[in-house]
């Protein structure tokens, strides 16, 4: 199994969530996060004063899927989250040693 984490722009959340549901991803964890990459924030004006916003709001989506779904899930996230502009986000993929459902104690793919 693999864990796929995607950091995306907030306004792309619904598109990514819906696209993942369409291919059979049954569960996901979504968090509001803040950060920066090459973009390094931006400047804004508030009541005539300029200030720098260094940590930009992003959404983090985490899904655990069987190995055979890794490429499809990655492709779907790429397609749904892409705008072509700086700050579109990143996808991180890591191997899961084990997954255990607490309620039933099921392990592996059945636990997802």
C-alpha atoms as a PDB file:
ATOM      1  CA  UNK A   1       0.000   0.000   0.000  1.00  0.00           C
ATOM      2  CA  UNK A   2       1.018   3.600  -0.518  1.00  0.00           C
ATOM      3  CA  UNK A   3       0.150   6.872   1.150  1.00  0.00           C
ATOM      4  CA  UNK A   4      -0.328   9.767  -1.241  1.00  0.00           C
ATOM      5  CA  UNK A   5      -0.206  13.286   0.177  1.00  0.00           C
ATOM      6  CA  UNK A   6      -1.112  16.211  -2.044  1.00  0.00           C
ATOM      7  CA  UNK A   7      -0.680  19.875  -1.157  1.00  0.00           C
ATOM      8  CA  UNK A   8      -2.995  21.901  -3.395  1.00  0.00           C
ATOM      9  CA  UNK A   9      -4.600  25.321  -3.780  1.00  0.00           C
ATOM     10  CA  UNK A  10      -7.732  25.648  -1.616  1.00  0.00           C
ATOM     11  CA  UNK A  11     -10.098  26.409  -4.505  1.00  0.00           C
ATOM     12  CA  UNK A  12      -9.113  23.100  -6.172  1.00  0.00           C
ATOM     13  CA  UNK A  13     -10.207  20.943  -3.217  1.00  0.00           C
ATOM     14  CA  UNK A  14     -13.695  20.084  -4.490  1.00  0.00           C
ATOM     15  CA  UNK A  15     -12.406  19.149  -7.952  1.00  0.00           C
ATOM     16  CA  UNK A  16      -9.734  16.844  -6.515  1.00  0.00           C
ATOM     17  CA  UNK A  17     -12.084  15.310  -3.941  1.00  0.00           C
ATOM     18  CA  UNK A  18     -14.765  14.604  -6.565  1.00  0.00           C
ATOM     19  CA  UNK A  19     -12.240  13.175  -9.038  1.00  0.00           C
ATOM     20  CA  UNK A  20     -10.846  10.811  -6.399  1.00  0.00           C
ATOM     21  CA  UNK A  21     -14.350   9.644  -5.452  1.00  0.00           C
ATOM     22  CA  UNK A  22     -15.089   8.903  -9.124  1.00  0.00           C
ATOM     23  CA  UNK A  23     -12.192   6.426  -9.346  1.00  0.00           C
ATOM     24  CA  UNK A  24     -13.189   4.639  -6.153  1.00  0.00           C
ATOM     25  CA  UNK A  25     -11.093   6.255  -3.431  1.00  0.00           C
ATOM     26  CA  UNK A  26     -13.299   5.572  -0.430  1.00  0.00           C
ATOM     27  CA  UNK A  27     -11.677   7.701   2.242  1.00  0.00           C
ATOM     28  CA  UNK A  28      -9.343  10.637   2.619  1.00  0.00           C
ATOM     29  CA  UNK A  29      -8.090  13.032   5.239  1.00  0.00           C
ATOM     30  CA  UNK A  30      -8.178  16.735   4.438  1.00  0.00           C
ATOM     31  CA  UNK A  31      -6.347  19.397   6.428  1.00  0.00           C
ATOM     32  CA  UNK A  32      -6.020  23.149   6.113  1.00  0.00           C
ATOM     33  CA  UNK A  33      -2.294  23.915   6.100  1.00  0.00           C
ATOM     34  CA  UNK A  34      -0.032  26.874   5.445  1.00  0.00           C
ATOM     35  CA  UNK A  35       3.358  26.968   3.805  1.00  0.00           C
ATOM     36  CA  UNK A  36       5.543  28.212   1.006  1.00  0.00           C
ATOM     37  CA  UNK A  37       7.792  26.877  -1.696  1.00  0.00           C
ATOM     38  CA  UNK A  38       9.453  28.693  -4.549  1.00  0.00           C
ATOM     39  CA  UNK A  39       6.575  31.156  -4.452  1.00  0.00           C
ATOM     40  CA  UNK A  40       7.792  32.508  -1.075  1.00  0.00           C
ATOM     41  CA  UNK A  41       4.557  34.319  -0.283  1.00  0.00           C
ATOM     42  CA  UNK A  42       3.300  37.593  -1.692  1.00  0.00           C
ATOM     43  CA  UNK A  43       2.658  41.232  -0.769  1.00  0.00           C
ATOM     44  CA  UNK A  44      -0.783  42.593   0.105  1.00  0.00           C
ATOM     45  CA  UNK A  45      -2.223  45.973   0.972  1.00  0.00           C
ATOM     46  CA  UNK A  46      -4.368  46.471   4.083  1.00  0.00           C
ATOM     47  CA  UNK A  47      -5.698  49.919   4.945  1.00  0.00           C
ATOM     48  CA  UNK A  48      -2.961  51.540   2.903  1.00  0.00           C
ATOM     49  CA  UNK A  49      -0.105  49.554   4.473  1.00  0.00           C
ATOM     50  CA  UNK A  50       1.809  46.925   2.550  1.00  0.00           C
ATOM     51  CA  UNK A  51       2.730  43.687   4.286  1.00  0.00           C
ATOM     52  CA  UNK A  52       4.207  40.336   3.262  1.00  0.00           C
ATOM     53  CA  UNK A  53       2.207  37.118   3.544  1.00  0.00           C
ATOM     54  CA  UNK A  54       4.930  34.489   3.872  1.00  0.00           C
ATOM     55  CA  UNK A  55       2.841  31.398   4.630  1.00  0.00           C
ATOM     56  CA  UNK A  56       0.141  30.818   2.047  1.00  0.00           C
ATOM     57  CA  UNK A  57      -3.048  28.835   2.743  1.00  0.00           C
ATOM     58  CA  UNK A  58      -3.102  25.378   1.138  1.00  0.00           C
ATOM     59  CA  UNK A  59      -5.086  22.157   1.497  1.00  0.00           C
ATOM     60  CA  UNK A  60      -3.472  18.808   2.268  1.00  0.00           C
ATOM     61  CA  UNK A  61      -5.173  15.643   1.068  1.00  0.00           C
ATOM     62  CA  UNK A  62      -3.998  12.269   2.352  1.00  0.00           C
ATOM     63  CA  UNK A  63      -5.142   8.938   0.927  1.00  0.00           C
ATOM     64  CA  UNK A  64      -3.996   5.372   1.471  1.00  0.00           C
ATOM     65  CA  UNK A  65      -4.483   3.120  -1.548  1.00  0.00           C
ATOM     66  CA  UNK A  66      -3.324  -0.273  -2.816  1.00  0.00           C
ATOM     67  CA  UNK A  67      -0.113  -0.230  -4.868  1.00  0.00           C
ATOM     68  CA  UNK A  68      -2.028  -0.856  -8.103  1.00  0.00           C
ATOM     69  CA  UNK A  69      -3.979   2.426  -7.701  1.00  0.00           C
ATOM     70  CA  UNK A  70      -0.915   4.633  -7.177  1.00  0.00           C
ATOM     71  CA  UNK A  71      -0.533   5.807 -10.779  1.00  0.00           C
ATOM     72  CA  UNK A  72      -4.254   6.411 -11.329  1.00  0.00           C
ATOM     73  CA  UNK A  73      -4.667   8.388  -8.103  1.00  0.00           C
ATOM     74  CA  UNK A  74      -1.579  10.454  -8.893  1.00  0.00           C
ATOM     75  CA  UNK A  75      -2.814  11.189 -12.427  1.00  0.00           C
ATOM     76  CA  UNK A  76      -6.271  12.187 -11.184  1.00  0.00           C
ATOM     77  CA  UNK A  77      -4.813  14.578  -8.596  1.00  0.00           C
ATOM     78  CA  UNK A  78      -2.459  16.088 -11.187  1.00  0.00           C
ATOM     79  CA  UNK A  79      -5.299  16.640 -13.655  1.00  0.00           C
ATOM     80  CA  UNK A  80      -7.775  18.048 -11.119  1.00  0.00           C
ATOM     81  CA  UNK A  81      -5.353  20.325  -9.231  1.00  0.00           C
ATOM     82  CA  UNK A  82      -3.441  21.733 -12.215  1.00  0.00           C
ATOM     83  CA  UNK A  83      -3.827  25.416 -13.064  1.00  0.00           C
ATOM     84  CA  UNK A  84      -0.461  25.959 -14.723  1.00  0.00           C
ATOM     85  CA  UNK A  85       0.388  28.741 -12.293  1.00  0.00           C
ATOM     86  CA  UNK A  86       3.062  28.887  -9.633  1.00  0.00           C
ATOM     87  CA  UNK A  87       1.909  27.402  -6.339  1.00  0.00           C
ATOM     88  CA  UNK A  88      -0.152  24.535  -7.782  1.00  0.00           C
ATOM     89  CA  UNK A  89       1.343  22.272  -5.115  1.00  0.00           C
ATOM     90  CA  UNK A  90       3.151  18.987  -4.674  1.00  0.00           C
ATOM     91  CA  UNK A  91       2.401  15.269  -4.414  1.00  0.00           C
ATOM     92  CA  UNK A  92       4.339  13.034  -2.023  1.00  0.00           C
ATOM     93  CA  UNK A  93       4.148   9.226  -2.272  1.00  0.00           C
ATOM     94  CA  UNK A  94       5.428   6.886   0.431  1.00  0.00           C
ATOM     95  CA  UNK A  95       5.173   3.190   1.187  1.00  0.00           C
ATOM     96  CA  UNK A  96       2.961   2.118   4.085  1.00  0.00           C
ATOM     97  CA  UNK A  97       4.316  -0.650   6.253  1.00  0.00           C
ATOM     98  CA  UNK A  98       0.885  -1.519   7.633  1.00  0.00           C
ATOM     99  CA  UNK A  99      -2.658  -0.181   7.930  1.00  0.00           C
ATOM    100  CA  UNK A 100      -4.933  -1.279  10.778  1.00  0.00           C
ATOM    101  CA  UNK A 101      -8.607  -0.374  11.269  1.00  0.00           C
ATOM    102  CA  UNK A 102      -9.013   0.215  14.993  1.00  0.00           C
ATOM    103  CA  UNK A 103     -12.687  -0.805  15.255  1.00  0.00           C
ATOM    104  CA  UNK A 104     -12.368  -4.234  13.601  1.00  0.00           C
ATOM    105  CA  UNK A 105      -8.594  -4.781  13.797  1.00  0.00           C
ATOM    106  CA  UNK A 106      -8.548  -5.528  10.045  1.00  0.00           C
ATOM    107  CA  UNK A 107      -5.141  -5.111   8.434  1.00  0.00           C
ATOM    108  CA  UNK A 108      -3.836  -4.194   4.998  1.00  0.00           C
ATOM    109  CA  UNK A 109      -6.043  -3.098   2.091  1.00  0.00           C
ATOM    110  CA  UNK A 110      -9.189  -4.274   3.886  1.00  0.00           C
ATOM    111  CA  UNK A 111      -8.511  -1.697   6.614  1.00  0.00           C
ATOM    112  CA  UNK A 112      -8.775   1.198   4.172  1.00  0.00           C
END
